[in-house]
Amino acid sequence: MSKPGLMPVEDALDQLLAMANEQRLPDSEPVPLNEARGRVLASDLVATLDLPPWPNSAMDGYALNLADLHRQPLSVSQRVYAGLAPDALLPGTCARIFTGAPLPNGANCVEMQENTEVLEDGRVRFLQPLKVGQNIRAQGQENRVGDTLLRAGKRLGPFELAVAAGQGMTHLPVVRRPRVALLSTGDELVEPGQPLRPGSIYNSNRTLLDHWLRELGCEVIDAGILPDRPAQTRLKLEQLQVAADLILTTGGVSAGDADCLGQVLRDNGKPLLWKLAIKPGKPLTVGHFGTVPVIGLPGNPTSALVTFGLLARPYLLRIQGVEEVMPLSFTVNAGFDWAKPGSRREYLRVRLEGGQAALYPNQSSGVLLGATWADGLVEIPENSTLRMGDPLRFIPFSELF
């Protein structure tokens, strides 16, 4: 059970996805295949070609009609290469054929060259038993005209784009990119390349989230760094809501005097959720400013990483029409003891070593370096302890990115 007053992770995710379902992007655009990777298909891809478009050979060898096998050795009446249309097979002969080449009319079997003997006069003897259809890829074996190959809402990767190319497609209709205004807050933040002031730090969250958003197919609006001033915060949100589908912020969402972004959202916007039973990332804030959704991530780098990966990422995929938004995970064995139960669900940076999850020694939410060492996150349920070897849910970083 979660700590009283804190929202369970599942409830927060359900609310975010419900909000996303109401705000799915309606617009689409055609893009060339070489620009479509990572985008989301806007309408079903339906086959216009049988694949293969004709029966073809799966082997280098000889095509024949089994009814002629008793006449062997058979003379070779033609050579059939991939990309060439063959003549009909002459009765009582075979055809030298190569992988991918169309099957001559009249042939109903292909024997691989390794199971044949070529005599001095060029005729061919077949050394193994044969059957109809052997080593032949039938027309439409992969798909038939009218088959739905890819459903709308599919994220396009190399495999999906290759399927489209196999149908002769040069462009695909994709959901337009979500426009995400990325805003950093905090008097202590300085952009890389600028001199550090006393008490200031460089802004690493901007770089992390900018790359992550682009990997998710988003158009990023760089909203800069905002000081901890309520009036400036309200004005900035008012400006950003004009062009953005989502305002994504880091910092300013906790309960301190300087954490004004969360307060402005609660006072002037429509808050949906605040304070989750998650560690790191408890201060995550979600709501609306005007009509535009706002997701306020915590400022600590690992808190931002965890909450973006587990909560903001599914939201951004769903508004693009993706149904399967949760990362794949699997069970691993703990390579460590966890003696102190927590009231919040914890996500720890681990690396897989010898079939077990090895724990990064510094799990502070302010330490980002552990993410470069780790392979992913393990989930420690609320109020749980662990012994070495106990099963854990593991979420690879490769799934989140």
Protein backbone atom coordinates (compact mmCIF):
# COMPACT_ATOMS: atom_id res chain seq x y z
CA MET A 1 0.00 0.00 0.00
CA SER A 2 1.24 3.50 -0.85
CA LYS A 3 1.92 6.16 1.74
CA PRO A 4 -1.30 8.06 2.65
CA GLY A 5 -1.70 11.25 0.59
CA LEU A 6 0.53 10.00 -2.24
CA MET A 7 -0.94 8.74 -5.49
CA PRO A 8 0.07 5.19 -6.55
CA VAL A 9 2.06 4.96 -9.76
CA GLU A 10 -0.65 2.95 -11.56
CA ASP A 11 -3.31 5.56 -10.75
CA ALA A 12 -1.08 8.37 -12.04
CA LEU A 13 -0.40 6.47 -15.25
CA ASP A 14 -4.11 5.76 -15.75
CA GLN A 15 -4.92 9.46 -15.39
CA LEU A 16 -2.16 10.50 -17.77
CA LEU A 17 -3.30 8.03 -20.42
CA ALA A 18 -6.93 9.10 -19.98
CA MET A 19 -5.82 12.70 -20.54
CA ALA A 20 -3.83 11.60 -23.60
CA ASN A 21 -6.82 9.75 -25.06
CA GLU A 22 -8.78 13.02 -25.00
CA GLN A 23 -5.95 14.94 -26.64
CA ARG A 24 -4.82 12.66 -29.46
CA LEU A 25 -3.34 14.59 -32.35
CA PRO A 26 -5.78 14.58 -35.27
CA ASP A 27 -3.43 15.83 -37.97
CA SER A 28 -1.30 13.71 -40.28
CA GLU A 29 1.22 14.33 -43.02
CA PRO A 30 2.94 12.24 -45.71
CA VAL A 31 6.68 11.79 -45.22
CA PRO A 32 9.33 9.95 -47.27
CA LEU A 33 10.34 6.54 -45.96
CA ASN A 34 13.85 7.76 -45.15
CA GLU A 35 12.37 10.39 -42.82
CA ALA A 36 9.70 8.23 -41.19
CA ARG A 37 11.74 6.32 -38.61
CA GLY A 38 10.32 6.87 -35.12
CA ARG A 39 7.12 8.42 -36.45
CA VAL A 40 3.67 6.95 -35.86
CA LEU A 41 1.59 5.55 -38.72
CA ALA A 42 -1.62 7.57 -39.17
CA SER A 43 -3.63 5.00 -41.18
CA ASP A 44 -3.46 1.28 -41.87
CA LEU A 45 -0.95 0.09 -44.45
CA VAL A 46 -2.84 -2.30 -46.75
CA ALA A 47 -1.03 -4.54 -49.22
CA THR A 48 -1.35 -3.67 -52.90
CA LEU A 49 0.94 -6.52 -53.99
CA ASP A 50 1.16 -10.22 -53.29
CA LEU A 51 4.51 -11.07 -51.73
CA PRO A 52 6.15 -12.89 -53.30
CA PRO A 53 4.39 -11.66 -56.47
CA TRP A 54 5.07 -15.04 -58.16
CA PRO A 55 6.37 -18.45 -57.08
CA ASN A 56 10.15 -18.37 -56.78
CA SER A 57 13.04 -20.55 -55.82
CA ALA A 58 14.30 -20.65 -52.25
CA MET A 59 17.56 -22.29 -53.33
CA ASP A 60 20.27 -22.35 -55.97
CA GLY A 61 19.52 -25.57 -57.80
CA TYR A 62 17.29 -27.10 -60.47
CA ALA A 63 13.58 -26.66 -61.15
CA LEU A 64 11.67 -29.61 -62.56
CA ASN A 65 8.30 -31.28 -62.82
CA LEU A 66 8.19 -34.41 -60.67
CA ALA A 67 6.30 -36.24 -63.41
CA ASP A 68 9.55 -36.16 -65.42
CA LEU A 69 11.75 -37.53 -62.65
CA HIS A 70 11.59 -41.08 -63.99
CA ARG A 71 13.33 -39.81 -67.15
CA GLN A 72 16.44 -38.64 -65.33
CA PRO A 73 19.12 -37.67 -65.89
CA LEU A 74 17.40 -34.55 -67.25
CA SER A 75 18.87 -32.08 -69.69
CA VAL A 76 19.01 -28.40 -68.72
CA SER A 77 16.76 -26.39 -71.05
CA GLN A 78 17.32 -22.89 -69.61
CA ARG A 79 19.04 -20.87 -66.87
CA VAL A 80 16.79 -18.68 -64.70
CA TYR A 81 18.28 -15.76 -62.77
CA ALA A 82 16.58 -13.48 -60.28
CA GLY A 83 15.10 -10.50 -62.08
CA LEU A 84 14.43 -12.35 -65.34
CA ALA A 85 11.17 -13.84 -66.62
CA PRO A 86 11.66 -17.53 -67.52
CA ASP A 87 10.22 -19.46 -70.41
CA ALA A 88 7.82 -22.31 -69.74
CA LEU A 89 9.64 -25.49 -68.76
CA LEU A 90 10.09 -27.86 -71.69
CA PRO A 91 8.70 -31.33 -70.96
CA GLY A 92 11.34 -33.82 -69.87
CA THR A 93 13.88 -31.14 -68.90
CA CYS A 94 14.92 -29.18 -65.85
CA ALA A 95 15.96 -25.53 -65.47
CA ARG A 96 19.06 -24.26 -63.72
CA ILE A 97 17.61 -21.77 -61.23
CA PHE A 98 18.99 -19.37 -58.64
CA THR A 99 17.64 -18.10 -55.32
CA GLY A 100 14.80 -15.64 -55.78
CA ALA A 101 14.30 -16.37 -59.47
CA PRO A 102 10.72 -16.88 -60.75
CA LEU A 103 9.67 -20.49 -61.15
CA PRO A 104 9.11 -21.52 -64.80
CA ASN A 105 5.55 -22.52 -65.68
CA GLY A 106 5.33 -26.30 -65.58
CA ALA A 107 7.87 -26.74 -62.74
CA ASN A 108 6.56 -27.86 -59.35
CA CYS A 109 9.73 -28.61 -57.42
CA VAL A 110 13.25 -27.25 -56.88
CA GLU A 111 16.15 -29.37 -55.71
CA MET A 112 19.20 -27.72 -54.20
CA GLN A 113 22.38 -28.15 -56.19
CA GLU A 114 24.11 -30.01 -53.35
CA ASN A 115 21.71 -32.96 -53.84
CA THR A 116 22.36 -33.33 -57.56
CA GLU A 117 25.04 -34.75 -59.82
CA VAL A 118 25.94 -33.04 -63.10
CA LEU A 119 27.13 -35.54 -65.66
CA GLU A 120 29.83 -34.92 -68.23
CA ASP A 121 27.24 -34.27 -70.94
CA GLY A 122 25.59 -31.61 -68.78
CA ARG A 123 22.53 -33.63 -67.80
CA VAL A 124 21.47 -33.68 -64.14
CA ARG A 125 20.82 -36.64 -61.86
CA PHE A 126 18.77 -36.13 -58.67
CA LEU A 127 20.12 -38.01 -55.67
CA GLN A 128 17.45 -37.54 -52.99
CA PRO A 129 13.67 -38.13 -52.81
CA LEU A 130 11.66 -35.08 -53.95
CA LYS A 131 8.15 -33.77 -53.36
CA VAL A 132 5.84 -31.22 -54.94
CA GLY A 133 6.48 -27.67 -53.69
CA GLN A 134 9.92 -28.45 -52.31
CA ASN A 135 12.14 -25.33 -51.99
CA ILE A 136 9.50 -23.12 -53.61
CA ARG A 137 8.25 -19.88 -52.09
CA ALA A 138 4.59 -19.74 -53.07
CA GLN A 139 2.98 -16.58 -54.45
CA GLY A 140 1.48 -14.61 -51.55
CA GLN A 141 3.37 -16.65 -48.96
CA GLU A 142 4.09 -13.48 -46.96
CA ASN A 143 0.94 -11.51 -47.75
CA ARG A 144 -1.93 -11.18 -50.19
CA VAL A 145 -3.38 -8.07 -51.80
CA GLY A 146 -5.77 -6.47 -49.30
CA ASP A 147 -4.02 -7.79 -46.18
CA THR A 148 -3.50 -5.20 -43.44
CA LEU A 149 0.27 -5.17 -42.95
CA LEU A 150 0.64 -2.41 -40.34
CA ARG A 151 -2.05 -0.90 -38.14
CA ALA A 152 -2.49 2.81 -37.53
CA GLY A 153 -0.69 3.74 -34.32
CA LYS A 154 2.38 1.63 -35.10
CA ARG A 155 5.72 3.29 -34.42
CA LEU A 156 7.84 2.94 -37.51
CA GLY A 157 11.24 1.33 -37.21
CA PRO A 158 13.53 -0.31 -39.76
CA PHE A 159 11.38 -3.47 -40.01
CA GLU A 160 8.14 -1.57 -40.59
CA LEU A 161 9.75 0.74 -43.14
CA ALA A 162 11.18 -2.26 -45.00
CA VAL A 163 7.68 -3.81 -45.16
CA ALA A 164 6.39 -0.56 -46.69
CA ALA A 165 9.27 -0.52 -49.17
CA GLY A 166 8.41 -4.08 -50.15
CA GLN A 167 5.02 -2.77 -51.30
CA GLY A 168 6.69 -0.08 -53.41
CA MET A 169 5.77 2.74 -51.04
CA THR A 170 7.86 5.92 -51.16
CA HIS A 171 5.87 7.90 -48.56
CA LEU A 172 3.77 7.01 -45.52
CA PRO A 173 1.05 8.99 -43.71
CA VAL A 174 2.23 9.72 -40.17
CA VAL A 175 0.79 11.59 -37.21
CA ARG A 176 2.23 15.07 -37.02
CA ARG A 177 4.91 15.63 -34.45
CA PRO A 178 3.73 16.72 -30.99
CA ARG A 179 4.99 20.23 -30.25
CA VAL A 180 6.56 20.11 -26.79
CA ALA A 181 7.71 23.28 -25.06
CA LEU A 182 10.69 22.32 -22.90
CA LEU A 183 11.12 24.68 -19.97
CA SER A 184 13.74 24.52 -17.23
CA THR A 185 13.17 26.35 -13.95
CA GLY A 186 15.53 27.37 -11.20
CA ASP A 187 17.73 30.32 -10.24
CA GLU A 188 20.63 27.91 -9.87
CA LEU A 189 20.67 26.74 -13.50
CA VAL A 190 23.25 27.87 -16.06
CA GLU A 191 23.51 26.75 -19.67
CA PRO A 192 26.67 24.85 -20.69
CA GLY A 193 29.24 27.26 -22.08
CA GLN A 194 28.34 30.03 -19.64
CA PRO A 195 30.46 30.76 -16.56
CA LEU A 196 29.24 29.23 -13.32
CA ARG A 197 28.17 31.62 -10.59
CA PRO A 198 28.56 30.79 -6.90
CA GLY A 199 25.85 28.24 -6.07
CA SER A 200 24.95 27.52 -9.69
CA ILE A 201 25.04 24.28 -11.70
CA TYR A 202 24.91 23.45 -15.39
CA ASN A 203 21.55 22.43 -16.84
CA SER A 204 21.83 18.71 -17.76
CA ASN A 205 18.09 17.98 -17.83
CA ARG A 206 17.59 20.10 -20.94
CA THR A 207 20.04 17.97 -22.94
CA LEU A 208 18.63 14.68 -21.66
CA LEU A 209 15.01 15.56 -22.40
CA ASP A 210 15.66 17.31 -25.70
CA HIS A 211 17.24 14.17 -27.16
CA TRP A 212 14.64 11.89 -25.59
CA LEU A 213 11.74 13.95 -26.94
CA ARG A 214 13.18 13.90 -30.45
CA GLU A 215 13.59 10.13 -30.25
CA LEU A 216 9.86 9.96 -29.47
CA GLY A 217 9.04 11.91 -32.61
CA CYS A 218 8.41 15.26 -30.94
CA GLU A 219 9.13 18.77 -32.17
CA VAL A 220 10.91 20.57 -29.33
CA ILE A 221 10.27 24.23 -28.56
CA ASP A 222 13.22 25.44 -26.48
CA ALA A 223 11.65 27.63 -23.80
CA GLY A 224 14.91 28.32 -21.98
CA ILE A 225 15.54 28.68 -18.26
CA LEU A 226 12.99 30.41 -16.05
CA PRO A 227 13.93 32.00 -12.71
CA ASP A 228 11.92 31.15 -9.60
CA ARG A 229 9.47 34.07 -9.90
CA PRO A 230 5.68 33.41 -9.87
CA ALA A 231 4.77 36.35 -12.12
CA GLN A 232 7.35 35.38 -14.74
CA THR A 233 6.23 31.77 -14.50
CA ARG A 234 2.60 32.69 -15.21
CA LEU A 235 3.59 34.90 -18.13
CA LYS A 236 5.82 32.22 -19.64
CA LEU A 237 3.10 29.57 -19.42
CA GLU A 238 0.64 31.97 -21.05
CA GLN A 239 3.07 32.49 -23.94
CA LEU A 240 3.89 28.82 -24.42
CA GLN A 241 0.30 27.59 -24.46
CA VAL A 242 -0.27 29.31 -27.83
CA ALA A 243 2.08 27.05 -29.80
CA ALA A 244 2.55 23.91 -27.71
CA ASP A 245 0.65 20.62 -27.45
CA LEU A 246 2.43 20.01 -24.14
CA ILE A 247 4.50 22.11 -21.75
CA LEU A 248 7.19 19.95 -20.17
CA THR A 249 9.06 21.50 -17.28
CA THR A 250 11.81 20.46 -14.91
CA GLY A 251 12.13 21.78 -11.36
CA GLY A 252 9.93 24.05 -9.31
CA VAL A 253 7.30 21.42 -8.48
CA SER A 254 8.20 20.50 -4.90
CA ALA A 255 6.82 22.18 -1.79
CA GLY A 256 9.60 24.69 -1.06
CA ASP A 257 9.24 28.48 -1.06
CA ALA A 258 11.14 28.72 -4.35
CA ASP A 259 9.16 25.95 -6.07
CA CYS A 260 6.75 28.32 -7.76
CA LEU A 261 5.87 26.45 -10.96
CA GLY A 262 3.81 23.86 -9.14
CA GLN A 263 2.17 26.59 -7.08
CA VAL A 264 1.31 28.67 -10.16
CA LEU A 265 -0.22 25.60 -11.79
CA ARG A 266 -2.27 24.85 -8.71
CA ASP A 267 -3.37 28.48 -8.28
CA ASN A 268 -3.94 29.46 -11.93
CA GLY A 269 -4.34 26.21 -13.80
CA LYS A 270 -6.16 22.92 -13.47
CA PRO A 271 -4.06 20.46 -11.47
CA LEU A 272 -4.62 16.78 -12.14
CA LEU A 273 -2.12 15.09 -9.87
CA TRP A 274 0.72 16.00 -7.52
CA LYS A 275 2.93 13.94 -5.24
CA LEU A 276 3.31 10.32 -6.27
CA ALA A 277 4.22 7.26 -4.27
CA ILE A 278 7.40 6.89 -6.30
CA LYS A 279 11.08 7.22 -5.50
CA PRO A 280 12.73 9.09 -7.04
CA GLY A 281 10.20 11.53 -8.46
CA LYS A 282 7.57 12.16 -5.77
CA PRO A 283 6.92 15.86 -6.69
CA LEU A 284 5.77 15.10 -10.28
CA THR A 285 2.98 17.54 -11.13
CA VAL A 286 0.46 17.20 -13.97
CA GLY A 287 -2.36 19.51 -14.98
CA HIS A 288 -3.49 22.14 -17.49
CA PHE A 289 -2.64 25.77 -17.95
CA GLY A 290 -5.45 27.14 -20.06
CA THR A 291 -6.17 24.29 -22.46
CA VAL A 292 -2.60 23.01 -22.70
CA PRO A 293 -1.39 20.04 -20.63
CA VAL A 294 1.59 20.63 -18.37
CA ILE A 295 3.84 17.88 -17.04
CA GLY A 296 6.15 19.19 -14.37
CA LEU A 297 9.08 16.86 -13.76
CA PRO A 298 11.21 17.11 -10.63
CA GLY A 299 14.50 18.93 -11.02
CA ASN A 300 16.86 16.24 -9.76
CA PRO A 301 18.27 14.50 -12.86
CA THR A 302 17.42 10.92 -11.93
CA SER A 303 13.97 11.96 -10.72
CA ALA A 304 13.39 13.58 -14.11
CA LEU A 305 14.71 10.49 -15.89
CA VAL A 306 12.47 8.06 -13.99
CA THR A 307 9.27 10.09 -14.15
CA PHE A 308 9.72 10.99 -17.80
CA GLY A 309 10.48 7.40 -18.79
CA LEU A 310 7.68 5.77 -16.83
CA LEU A 311 4.94 8.43 -17.05
CA ALA A 312 5.59 11.24 -19.57
CA ARG A 313 6.86 8.87 -22.27
CA PRO A 314 3.63 6.77 -22.36
CA TYR A 315 1.59 9.98 -22.49
CA LEU A 316 3.54 11.32 -25.47
CA LEU A 317 3.22 8.03 -27.35
CA ARG A 318 -0.51 7.79 -26.67
CA ILE A 319 -1.33 11.28 -27.98
CA GLN A 320 0.30 10.12 -31.23
CA GLY A 321 -2.06 7.14 -31.36
CA VAL A 322 0.23 4.40 -30.06
CA GLU A 323 -1.75 1.81 -28.09
CA GLU A 324 1.10 -0.30 -26.68
CA VAL A 325 2.92 2.40 -24.73
CA MET A 326 4.41 0.48 -21.83
CA PRO A 327 8.05 -0.64 -22.05
CA LEU A 328 8.76 -4.34 -22.22
CA SER A 329 10.19 -5.69 -18.98
CA PHE A 330 11.34 -9.04 -17.67
CA THR A 331 12.27 -10.71 -14.42
CA VAL A 332 15.84 -10.79 -13.12
CA ASN A 333 17.33 -11.93 -9.85
CA ALA A 334 18.53 -9.36 -7.32
CA GLY A 335 22.28 -9.24 -6.88
CA PHE A 336 21.89 -7.34 -3.60
CA ASP A 337 19.97 -7.28 -0.33
CA TRP A 338 17.36 -4.59 0.35
CA ALA A 339 16.70 -4.58 4.07
CA LYS A 340 14.70 -1.40 4.62
CA PRO A 341 11.15 -1.34 3.22
CA GLY A 342 9.94 1.97 1.79
CA SER A 343 6.45 3.44 1.60
CA ARG A 344 7.01 4.47 -2.03
CA ARG A 345 7.74 2.31 -5.06
CA GLU A 346 11.44 2.60 -5.81
CA TYR A 347 13.27 2.43 -9.11
CA LEU A 348 16.98 1.66 -8.83
CA ARG A 349 19.71 1.87 -11.44
CA VAL A 350 21.26 -1.55 -12.04
CA ARG A 351 23.51 -3.38 -14.43
CA LEU A 352 23.10 -7.04 -15.36
CA GLU A 353 26.14 -9.02 -14.27
CA GLY A 354 26.27 -12.81 -14.29
CA GLY A 355 22.49 -13.07 -14.64
CA GLN A 356 21.82 -10.82 -11.66
CA ALA A 357 21.02 -7.14 -11.16
CA ALA A 358 24.04 -5.36 -9.67
CA LEU A 359 23.20 -2.13 -7.86
CA TYR A 360 24.88 1.17 -8.65
CA PRO A 361 26.43 2.23 -5.32
CA ASN A 362 25.03 5.80 -5.27
CA GLN A 363 21.26 5.86 -5.79
CA SER A 364 20.87 9.58 -5.00
CA SER A 365 18.29 11.28 -7.22
CA GLY A 366 20.85 14.00 -7.93
CA VAL A 367 23.39 11.59 -9.48
CA LEU A 368 22.96 11.10 -13.24
CA LEU A 369 26.25 9.30 -13.85
CA GLY A 370 24.72 6.03 -12.64
CA ALA A 371 22.51 5.97 -15.74
CA THR A 372 25.62 5.72 -17.95
CA TRP A 373 26.80 2.73 -15.90
CA ALA A 374 23.45 0.96 -15.68
CA ASP A 375 21.50 -1.17 -18.15
CA GLY A 376 18.13 -0.18 -16.75
CA LEU A 377 15.88 0.09 -13.72
CA VAL A 378 14.59 -2.48 -11.27
CA GLU A 379 11.32 -1.94 -9.44
CA ILE A 380 11.10 -2.38 -5.67
CA PRO A 381 7.42 -2.61 -4.63
CA GLU A 382 6.15 -0.57 -1.71
CA ASN A 383 6.84 -1.96 1.78
CA SER A 384 9.14 -4.68 0.44
CA THR A 385 12.46 -6.12 1.47
CA LEU A 386 14.74 -8.26 -0.69
CA ARG A 387 17.31 -10.98 -0.30
CA MET A 388 19.94 -11.71 -2.88
CA GLY A 389 18.44 -13.91 -5.59
CA ASP A 390 14.87 -12.67 -5.17
CA PRO A 391 13.01 -11.93 -8.45
CA LEU A 392 12.65 -8.31 -9.60
CA ARG A 393 11.00 -6.55 -12.54
CA PHE A 394 13.69 -5.12 -14.81
CA ILE A 395 13.04 -2.33 -17.34
CA PRO A 396 15.90 -1.95 -19.84
CA PHE A 397 16.94 1.58 -20.78
CA SER A 398 16.84 0.36 -24.39
CA GLU A 399 13.05 0.04 -24.00
CA LEU A 400 12.63 3.51 -22.53
CA PHE A 401 14.74 5.11 -25.28
